[in-house]
C-alpha atoms as a PDB file:
ATOM      1  CA  MET A   1       9.814  27.345  51.393  1.00  0.00           C
ATOM      2  CA  SER A   2      12.754  29.672  50.729  1.00  0.00           C
ATOM      3  CA  VAL A   3      14.156  30.421  47.294  1.00  0.00           C
ATOM      4  CA  LYS A   4      17.334  28.544  48.227  1.00  0.00           C
ATOM      5  CA  GLU A   5      15.411  25.366  49.172  1.00  0.00           C
ATOM      6  CA  CYS A   6      13.320  25.558  45.974  1.00  0.00           C
ATOM      7  CA  THR A   7      16.483  25.849  43.858  1.00  0.00           C
ATOM      8  CA  HIS A   8      18.000  22.891  45.719  1.00  0.00           C
ATOM      9  CA  HIS A   9      14.978  20.690  44.949  1.00  0.00           C
ATOM     10  CA  LYS A  10      15.101  21.652  41.262  1.00  0.00           C
ATOM     11  CA  ASP A  11      18.804  20.786  41.085  1.00  0.00           C
ATOM     12  CA  LYS A  12      18.139  17.359  42.633  1.00  0.00           C
ATOM     13  CA  LYS A  13      15.374  16.728  40.127  1.00  0.00           C
ATOM     14  CA  ARG A  14      17.624  17.693  37.202  1.00  0.00           C
ATOM     15  CA  LYS A  15      20.388  15.394  38.472  1.00  0.00           C
ATOM     16  CA  LEU A  16      17.914  12.528  38.815  1.00  0.00           C
ATOM     17  CA  VAL A  17      16.633  13.045  35.262  1.00  0.00           C
ATOM     18  CA  ARG A  18      20.203  13.237  33.913  1.00  0.00           C
ATOM     19  CA  ARG A  19      21.175  10.033  35.732  1.00  0.00           C
ATOM     20  CA  LEU A  20      18.068   8.239  34.457  1.00  0.00           C
ATOM     21  CA  PHE A  21      18.745   9.395  30.900  1.00  0.00           C
ATOM     22  CA  ALA A  22      22.409   8.391  31.157  1.00  0.00           C
ATOM     23  CA  GLY A  23      21.397   4.967  32.505  1.00  0.00           C
ATOM     24  CA  ILE A  24      19.041   4.396  29.550  1.00  0.00           C
ATOM     25  CA  LEU A  25      21.766   5.403  27.078  1.00  0.00           C
ATOM     26  CA  ILE A  26      24.304   3.088  28.724  1.00  0.00           C
ATOM     27  CA  PHE A  27      21.799   0.209  28.682  1.00  0.00           C
ATOM     28  CA  LEU A  28      21.002   0.731  24.989  1.00  0.00           C
ATOM     29  CA  PHE A  29      24.714   0.979  24.181  1.00  0.00           C
ATOM     30  CA  VAL A  30      25.470  -2.298  25.990  1.00  0.00           C
ATOM     31  CA  VAL A  31      22.584  -4.087  24.206  1.00  0.00           C
ATOM     32  CA  LEU A  32      23.666  -2.774  20.801  1.00  0.00           C
ATOM     33  CA  LEU A  33      27.302  -3.652  21.451  1.00  0.00           C
ATOM     34  CA  THR A  34      26.319  -7.172  22.516  1.00  0.00           C
ATOM     35  CA  ILE A  35      24.279  -7.670  19.348  1.00  0.00           C
ATOM     36  CA  LEU A  36      27.137  -6.410  17.170  1.00  0.00           C
ATOM     37  CA  LEU A  37      29.677  -8.635  18.931  1.00  0.00           C
ATOM     38  CA  VAL A  38      27.453 -11.714  18.599  1.00  0.00           C
ATOM     39  CA  TRP A  39      26.822 -10.895  14.928  1.00  0.00           C
ATOM     40  CA  ALA A  40      30.562 -10.427  14.284  1.00  0.00           C
ATOM     41  CA  ILE A  41      31.477 -13.668  16.055  1.00  0.00           C
ATOM     42  CA  LEU A  42      28.813 -15.739  14.297  1.00  0.00           C
ATOM     43  CA  GLN A  43      29.535 -14.190  10.871  1.00  0.00           C
ATOM     44  CA  PRO A  44      26.153 -14.963   9.274  1.00  0.00           C
ATOM     45  CA  LYS A  45      26.178 -15.985   5.624  1.00  0.00           C
ATOM     46  CA  LYS A  46      23.385 -15.713   3.081  1.00  0.00           C
ATOM     47  CA  PRO A  47      21.560 -18.920   2.125  1.00  0.00           C
ATOM     48  CA  ARG A  48      22.828 -20.627  -1.016  1.00  0.00           C
ATOM     49  CA  PHE A  49      20.421 -21.451  -3.844  1.00  0.00           C
ATOM     50  CA  ILE A  50      20.956 -23.641  -6.918  1.00  0.00           C
ATOM     51  CA  LEU A  51      18.557 -24.220  -9.806  1.00  0.00           C
ATOM     52  CA  GLN A  52      19.083 -27.944 -10.371  1.00  0.00           C
ATOM     53  CA  ASP A  53      16.750 -28.707 -13.276  1.00  0.00           C
ATOM     54  CA  ALA A  54      13.659 -27.677 -15.203  1.00  0.00           C
ATOM     55  CA  THR A  55      10.971 -29.918 -16.707  1.00  0.00           C
ATOM     56  CA  ILE A  56       8.987 -28.312 -19.517  1.00  0.00           C
ATOM     57  CA  PHE A  57       5.428 -29.575 -19.941  1.00  0.00           C
ATOM     58  CA  ASN A  58       4.173 -26.723 -22.088  1.00  0.00           C
ATOM     59  CA  PHE A  59       5.725 -23.647 -23.700  1.00  0.00           C
ATOM     60  CA  ASN A  60       3.626 -21.848 -26.272  1.00  0.00           C
ATOM     61  CA  VAL A  61       3.416 -18.365 -27.742  1.00  0.00           C
ATOM     62  CA  SER A  62       0.062 -17.920 -29.462  1.00  0.00           C
ATOM     63  CA  ALA A  63      -1.058 -14.811 -31.313  1.00  0.00           C
ATOM     64  CA  PRO A  64       1.541 -12.027 -31.249  1.00  0.00           C
ATOM     65  CA  ASN A  65       1.823 -11.739 -27.481  1.00  0.00           C
ATOM     66  CA  ILE A  66      -0.194 -14.444 -25.675  1.00  0.00           C
ATOM     67  CA  PHE A  67       1.850 -16.907 -23.666  1.00  0.00           C
ATOM     68  CA  SER A  68       1.156 -20.206 -21.881  1.00  0.00           C
ATOM     69  CA  THR A  69       3.609 -22.441 -20.092  1.00  0.00           C
ATOM     70  CA  SER A  70       4.012 -25.073 -17.400  1.00  0.00           C
ATOM     71  CA  ILE A  71       7.507 -25.671 -16.036  1.00  0.00           C
ATOM     72  CA  GLN A  72       8.519 -27.607 -12.940  1.00  0.00           C
ATOM     73  CA  VAL A  73      11.790 -26.426 -11.447  1.00  0.00           C
ATOM     74  CA  THR A  74      13.916 -28.063  -8.747  1.00  0.00           C
ATOM     75  CA  ILE A  75      15.511 -25.574  -6.375  1.00  0.00           C
ATOM     76  CA  PHE A  76      18.211 -26.495  -3.871  1.00  0.00           C
ATOM     77  CA  ALA A  77      18.538 -24.251  -0.793  1.00  0.00           C
ATOM     78  CA  ARG A  78      21.259 -24.624   1.832  1.00  0.00           C
ATOM     79  CA  ASN A  79      21.947 -22.787   5.079  1.00  0.00           C
ATOM     80  CA  PRO A  80      25.759 -22.407   5.202  1.00  0.00           C
ATOM     81  CA  ASN A  81      25.805 -21.232   8.846  1.00  0.00           C
ATOM     82  CA  ASP A  82      26.771 -23.626  11.622  1.00  0.00           C
ATOM     83  CA  LYS A  83      25.326 -21.511  14.472  1.00  0.00           C
ATOM     84  CA  ILE A  84      22.402 -19.703  12.826  1.00  0.00           C
ATOM     85  CA  GLY A  85      19.043 -21.088  11.695  1.00  0.00           C
ATOM     86  CA  VAL A  86      16.885 -19.545   8.963  1.00  0.00           C
ATOM     87  CA  TYR A  87      13.121 -19.150   8.824  1.00  0.00           C
ATOM     88  CA  TYR A  88      11.706 -18.841   5.274  1.00  0.00           C
ATOM     89  CA  ASP A  89       8.311 -17.167   5.060  1.00  0.00           C
ATOM     90  CA  LYS A  90       5.903 -15.923   2.358  1.00  0.00           C
ATOM     91  CA  MET A  91       8.040 -17.392  -0.419  1.00  0.00           C
ATOM     92  CA  LYS A  92       6.791 -17.154  -3.990  1.00  0.00           C
ATOM     93  CA  THR A  93       8.450 -18.113  -7.248  1.00  0.00           C
ATOM     94  CA  TYR A  94       7.844 -17.068 -10.844  1.00  0.00           C
ATOM     95  CA  ALA A  95       9.607 -16.714 -14.200  1.00  0.00           C
ATOM     96  CA  ASN A  96      10.819 -13.580 -15.962  1.00  0.00           C
ATOM     97  CA  TYR A  97      11.762 -13.024 -19.585  1.00  0.00           C
ATOM     98  CA  HIS A  98      13.565  -9.803 -20.522  1.00  0.00           C
ATOM     99  CA  ASN A  99      12.642  -8.317 -17.106  1.00  0.00           C
ATOM    100  CA  GLN A 100       8.935  -9.084 -17.595  1.00  0.00           C
ATOM    101  CA  GLN A 101       7.047 -11.545 -15.403  1.00  0.00           C
ATOM    102  CA  ILE A 102       5.563 -14.217 -17.672  1.00  0.00           C
ATOM    103  CA  THR A 103       4.073 -16.660 -15.128  1.00  0.00           C
ATOM    104  CA  TYR A 104       1.832 -16.463 -12.090  1.00  0.00           C
ATOM    105  CA  TYR A 105       3.200 -16.503  -8.560  1.00  0.00           C
ATOM    106  CA  THR A 106       3.585 -19.972  -7.019  1.00  0.00           C
ATOM    107  CA  GLN A 107       3.798 -20.229  -3.235  1.00  0.00           C
ATOM    108  CA  ILE A 108       6.568 -22.188  -1.536  1.00  0.00           C
ATOM    109  CA  PRO A 109       5.646 -23.476   1.967  1.00  0.00           C
ATOM    110  CA  SER A 110       7.178 -21.699   4.957  1.00  0.00           C
ATOM    111  CA  VAL A 111       9.940 -23.711   6.588  1.00  0.00           C
ATOM    112  CA  TYR A 112      12.682 -23.515   9.222  1.00  0.00           C
ATOM    113  CA  GLN A 113      16.161 -24.472   8.026  1.00  0.00           C
ATOM    114  CA  GLY A 114      18.573 -25.560  10.730  1.00  0.00           C
ATOM    115  CA  HIS A 115      22.351 -25.245  10.833  1.00  0.00           C
ATOM    116  CA  LYS A 116      23.931 -26.518   7.605  1.00  0.00           C
ATOM    117  CA  ASP A 117      20.551 -27.978   6.583  1.00  0.00           C
ATOM    118  CA  VAL A 118      19.304 -28.397   3.010  1.00  0.00           C
ATOM    119  CA  ASN A 119      15.823 -28.039   1.528  1.00  0.00           C
ATOM    120  CA  ILE A 120      14.753 -28.990  -1.991  1.00  0.00           C
ATOM    121  CA  TRP A 121      11.619 -27.513  -3.538  1.00  0.00           C
ATOM    122  CA  SER A 122       9.983 -28.571  -6.820  1.00  0.00           C
ATOM    123  CA  PRO A 123       7.322 -25.937  -7.583  1.00  0.00           C
ATOM    124  CA  PHE A 124       5.497 -25.465 -10.874  1.00  0.00           C
ATOM    125  CA  VAL A 125       5.668 -22.053 -12.524  1.00  0.00           C
ATOM    126  CA  PHE A 126       2.891 -21.690 -15.042  1.00  0.00           C
ATOM    127  CA  SER A 127       0.692 -19.309 -17.003  1.00  0.00           C
ATOM    128  CA  ASN A 128      -2.362 -19.687 -19.178  1.00  0.00           C
ATOM    129  CA  ASN A 129      -2.979 -17.279 -22.049  1.00  0.00           C
ATOM    130  CA  VAL A 130      -1.160 -14.458 -20.282  1.00  0.00           C
ATOM    131  CA  PRO A 131      -0.624 -11.264 -22.312  1.00  0.00           C
ATOM    132  CA  ILE A 132       3.013 -10.242 -22.528  1.00  0.00           C
ATOM    133  CA  SER A 133       4.783  -7.277 -24.051  1.00  0.00           C
ATOM    134  CA  PRO A 134       4.338  -7.020 -27.848  1.00  0.00           C
ATOM    135  CA  TYR A 135       8.135  -6.725 -28.020  1.00  0.00           C
ATOM    136  CA  ASN A 136       8.748  -9.865 -25.973  1.00  0.00           C
ATOM    137  CA  GLY A 137       6.200 -12.070 -27.757  1.00  0.00           C
ATOM    138  CA  PRO A 138       8.035 -12.321 -31.103  1.00  0.00           C
ATOM    139  CA  ASP A 139      11.427 -12.574 -29.347  1.00  0.00           C
ATOM    140  CA  LEU A 140      10.208 -15.400 -27.138  1.00  0.00           C
ATOM    141  CA  LYS A 141       8.803 -17.321 -30.101  1.00  0.00           C
ATOM    142  CA  GLU A 142      11.997 -16.782 -32.083  1.00  0.00           C
ATOM    143  CA  ASP A 143      14.153 -18.010 -29.176  1.00  0.00           C
ATOM    144  CA  GLN A 144      11.998 -21.119 -28.910  1.00  0.00           C
ATOM    145  CA  GLN A 145      12.345 -21.815 -32.633  1.00  0.00           C
ATOM    146  CA  ASN A 146      16.111 -21.311 -32.376  1.00  0.00           C
ATOM    147  CA  GLY A 147      16.358 -24.052 -29.752  1.00  0.00           C
ATOM    148  CA  GLY A 148      16.474 -22.343 -26.357  1.00  0.00           C
ATOM    149  CA  VAL A 149      15.539 -19.387 -24.212  1.00  0.00           C
ATOM    150  CA  TRP A 150      17.147 -17.456 -21.333  1.00  0.00           C
ATOM    151  CA  LEU A 151      14.796 -17.249 -18.357  1.00  0.00           C
ATOM    152  CA  ASP A 152      15.103 -15.779 -14.872  1.00  0.00           C
ATOM    153  CA  PHE A 153      13.465 -17.972 -12.243  1.00  0.00           C
ATOM    154  CA  LYS A 154      12.906 -15.730  -9.248  1.00  0.00           C
ATOM    155  CA  ILE A 155      12.035 -16.248  -5.599  1.00  0.00           C
ATOM    156  CA  ASP A 156      10.822 -13.419  -3.388  1.00  0.00           C
ATOM    157  CA  GLY A 157      10.076 -13.841   0.295  1.00  0.00           C
ATOM    158  CA  ARG A 158      11.143 -13.047   3.826  1.00  0.00           C
ATOM    159  CA  VAL A 159      13.700 -14.612   6.158  1.00  0.00           C
ATOM    160  CA  LYS A 160      14.394 -14.470   9.880  1.00  0.00           C
ATOM    161  CA  TRP A 161      17.636 -15.494  11.572  1.00  0.00           C
ATOM    162  CA  ARG A 162      17.611 -17.602  14.732  1.00  0.00           C
ATOM    163  CA  VAL A 163      20.520 -17.754  17.177  1.00  0.00           C
ATOM    164  CA  GLY A 164      19.757 -20.030  20.124  1.00  0.00           C
ATOM    165  CA  THR A 165      16.410 -18.810  21.447  1.00  0.00           C
ATOM    166  CA  ILE A 166      16.739 -15.350  19.865  1.00  0.00           C
ATOM    167  CA  THR A 167      14.966 -14.657  16.557  1.00  0.00           C
ATOM    168  CA  THR A 168      15.506 -11.500  14.528  1.00  0.00           C
ATOM    169  CA  GLY A 169      12.905  -9.498  12.634  1.00  0.00           C
ATOM    170  CA  HIS A 170      12.049 -10.163   9.002  1.00  0.00           C
ATOM    171  CA  TYR A 171      14.440  -9.424   6.147  1.00  0.00           C
ATOM    172  CA  HIS A 172      13.473  -9.387   2.481  1.00  0.00           C
ATOM    173  CA  LEU A 173      14.893 -12.227   0.399  1.00  0.00           C
ATOM    174  CA  HIS A 174      15.385 -11.953  -3.372  1.00  0.00           C
ATOM    175  CA  VAL A 175      16.752 -14.875  -5.386  1.00  0.00           C
ATOM    176  CA  THR A 176      17.429 -14.852  -9.144  1.00  0.00           C
ATOM    177  CA  CYS A 177      18.344 -18.046 -11.005  1.00  0.00           C
ATOM    178  CA  THR A 178      19.279 -17.237 -14.594  1.00  0.00           C
ATOM    179  CA  ALA A 179      19.369 -20.244 -16.908  1.00  0.00           C
ATOM    180  CA  TYR A 180      19.437 -21.087 -20.594  1.00  0.00           C
ATOM    181  CA  VAL A 181      16.635 -23.601 -21.134  1.00  0.00           C
ATOM    182  CA  PRO A 182      17.012 -25.576 -24.385  1.00  0.00           C
ATOM    183  CA  PHE A 183      14.196 -27.153 -26.350  1.00  0.00           C
ATOM    184  CA  GLY A 184      14.173 -30.577 -27.940  1.00  0.00           C
ATOM    185  CA  ASN A 185      14.521 -34.145 -26.735  1.00  0.00           C
ATOM    186  CA  HIS A 186      17.807 -35.192 -28.276  1.00  0.00           C
ATOM    187  CA  PRO A 187      20.788 -36.222 -26.119  1.00  0.00           C
ATOM    188  CA  GLY A 188      22.781 -33.308 -27.480  1.00  0.00           C
ATOM    189  CA  ASP A 189      20.173 -30.933 -26.084  1.00  0.00           C
ATOM    190  CA  GLY A 190      20.579 -32.415 -22.610  1.00  0.00           C
ATOM    191  CA  GLY A 191      16.894 -33.269 -22.407  1.00  0.00           C
ATOM    192  CA  ILE A 192      15.343 -36.412 -20.953  1.00  0.00           C
ATOM    193  CA  ILE A 193      11.797 -37.410 -21.868  1.00  0.00           C
ATOM    194  CA  VAL A 194       9.875 -37.951 -18.613  1.00  0.00           C
ATOM    195  CA  GLY A 195       6.283 -38.088 -19.859  1.00  0.00           C
ATOM    196  CA  ASN A 196       3.938 -37.113 -22.655  1.00  0.00           C
ATOM    197  CA  ASN A 197       5.448 -33.972 -24.192  1.00  0.00           C
ATOM    198  CA  ALA A 198       7.497 -33.369 -21.009  1.00  0.00           C
ATOM    199  CA  VAL A 199      11.270 -32.949 -21.212  1.00  0.00           C
ATOM    200  CA  LYS A 200      13.598 -32.535 -18.244  1.00  0.00           C
ATOM    201  CA  TYR A 201      16.846 -30.527 -18.482  1.00  0.00           C
ATOM    202  CA  GLN A 202      19.667 -30.642 -15.957  1.00  0.00           C
ATOM    203  CA  LEU A 203      20.814 -27.051 -15.352  1.00  0.00           C
ATOM    204  CA  ALA A 204      22.836 -26.835 -12.093  1.00  0.00           C
ATOM    205  CA  ARG A 205      22.901 -23.031 -12.089  1.00  0.00           C
ATOM    206  CA  SER A 206      23.982 -21.050  -9.024  1.00  0.00           C
ATOM    207  CA  CYS A 207      21.562 -18.281  -8.096  1.00  0.00           C
ATOM    208  CA  ASP A 208      22.143 -14.715  -7.031  1.00  0.00           C
ATOM    209  CA  VAL A 209      20.879 -14.136  -3.466  1.00  0.00           C
ATOM    210  CA  SER A 210      20.125 -10.773  -1.882  1.00  0.00           C
ATOM    211  CA  VAL A 211      18.998 -10.295   1.746  1.00  0.00           C
END
């Protein structure tokens, strides 16, 4: 084979590689553009969460920094999208006080939420003789004695979006419901006695949602 023929074959190979590479780039560009256009047209919105109420069965600070509690919360979750479904997965809820977790994790069952659908969960957040910060213990007891306490009820989990038959990958979901929970069973406190030493408070607090 002459040098000229060898050079010709190399040039054909280079052109073939360039065309193949260009074809892959064009294909990826079209796929990405399609996804962006669909996303822009559908305009996905974050789920909406509301902390509806809290029922306190137990709330006790013993020793300087030992804490026990049992609180049932009612959480309203709504999918505001009319063309996108939401999968909730590995959801867990807990309570924070002054940025410190003061209850165990409680699992919320995985669920699919259709277009404009609503789910209502009523998990218990609880702890039993859990050590908390020596700074938070006295503050928590003082707040209780003063008639109420600010708590952050949090939900961490993962979500997936579904459009038709297409489902996206997982996204992290963080929900924070900040509420002032009063103590007492008088009408002025907003509490309703629902059982032995159990008082239910209507809160209706919108939650901050991050995806």
